[in-house]
């Protein structure tokens, strides 16, 4: 929950767009955590993390050689 979308994208080596597809665009000058994003969206943190994991897996599958 403490990670930011940018940190997740960097750590998992996926384009930032993968994260944006899950959480939507964020203003460039903000760095909310996944926990804050989940709270703003009115969903459980675990649910958001599951969505992020699924998006990363889908991206990797789509780009596999």
Protein backbone atom coordinates (compact mmCIF):
# COMPACT_ATOMS: atom_id res chain seq x y z
CA UNK A 1 0.00 0.00 0.00
CA UNK A 2 2.93 2.36 0.53
CA UNK A 3 4.12 2.14 -3.07
CA UNK A 4 3.27 4.76 -5.64
CA UNK A 5 2.10 3.74 -9.12
CA UNK A 6 5.36 5.06 -10.55
CA UNK A 7 7.37 2.90 -8.13
CA UNK A 8 5.32 -0.18 -9.02
CA UNK A 9 5.86 0.43 -12.74
CA UNK A 10 9.57 0.90 -12.19
CA UNK A 11 9.94 -2.12 -9.89
CA UNK A 12 8.02 -4.46 -12.17
CA UNK A 13 9.52 -2.95 -15.31
CA UNK A 14 6.26 -2.16 -17.03
CA UNK A 15 5.29 1.04 -18.85
CA UNK A 16 3.54 3.67 -16.75
CA UNK A 17 0.55 3.26 -19.05
CA UNK A 18 -0.07 -0.17 -17.53
CA UNK A 19 -0.63 1.51 -14.17
CA UNK A 20 -2.68 4.30 -15.72
CA UNK A 21 -5.00 1.73 -17.26
CA UNK A 22 -5.78 0.48 -13.75
CA UNK A 23 -5.89 3.70 -11.73
CA UNK A 24 -6.42 6.34 -14.38
CA UNK A 25 -4.14 9.29 -15.09
CA UNK A 26 -2.63 11.16 -12.20
CA UNK A 27 -1.37 14.73 -12.24
CA UNK A 28 2.40 14.77 -12.77
CA UNK A 29 3.10 16.68 -9.56
CA UNK A 30 1.38 14.18 -7.24
CA UNK A 31 2.64 10.88 -5.87
CA UNK A 32 -0.23 9.17 -4.06
CA UNK A 33 0.30 5.72 -2.64
CA UNK A 34 -1.76 2.74 -3.73
CA UNK A 35 -3.44 2.92 -0.33
CA UNK A 36 -4.52 6.54 -0.92
CA UNK A 37 -5.73 5.72 -4.44
CA UNK A 38 -7.80 2.79 -3.18
CA UNK A 39 -9.31 5.00 -0.50
CA UNK A 40 -10.12 7.73 -3.05
CA UNK A 41 -11.76 5.13 -5.32
CA UNK A 42 -13.73 3.66 -2.41
CA UNK A 43 -12.27 0.18 -2.82
CA UNK A 44 -10.21 -2.11 -0.62
CA UNK A 45 -6.44 -1.94 -1.04
CA UNK A 46 -6.30 -5.68 -1.73
CA UNK A 47 -8.74 -5.22 -4.60
CA UNK A 48 -6.58 -2.50 -6.17
CA UNK A 49 -3.46 -4.64 -5.76
CA UNK A 50 -5.23 -7.55 -7.46
CA UNK A 51 -6.14 -5.25 -10.37
CA UNK A 52 -2.54 -4.04 -10.62
CA UNK A 53 -1.21 -7.62 -10.53
CA UNK A 54 -3.65 -8.65 -13.26
CA UNK A 55 -2.66 -5.70 -15.44
CA UNK A 56 1.04 -6.50 -15.04
CA UNK A 57 0.42 -10.16 -15.90
CA UNK A 58 -1.67 -9.21 -18.95
CA UNK A 59 1.02 -6.83 -20.15
CA UNK A 60 3.73 -9.44 -19.77
CA UNK A 61 1.64 -12.04 -21.57
CA UNK A 62 0.92 -9.64 -24.41
CA UNK A 63 4.57 -8.72 -24.82
CA UNK A 64 6.04 -12.22 -24.40
CA UNK A 65 8.02 -13.46 -27.33
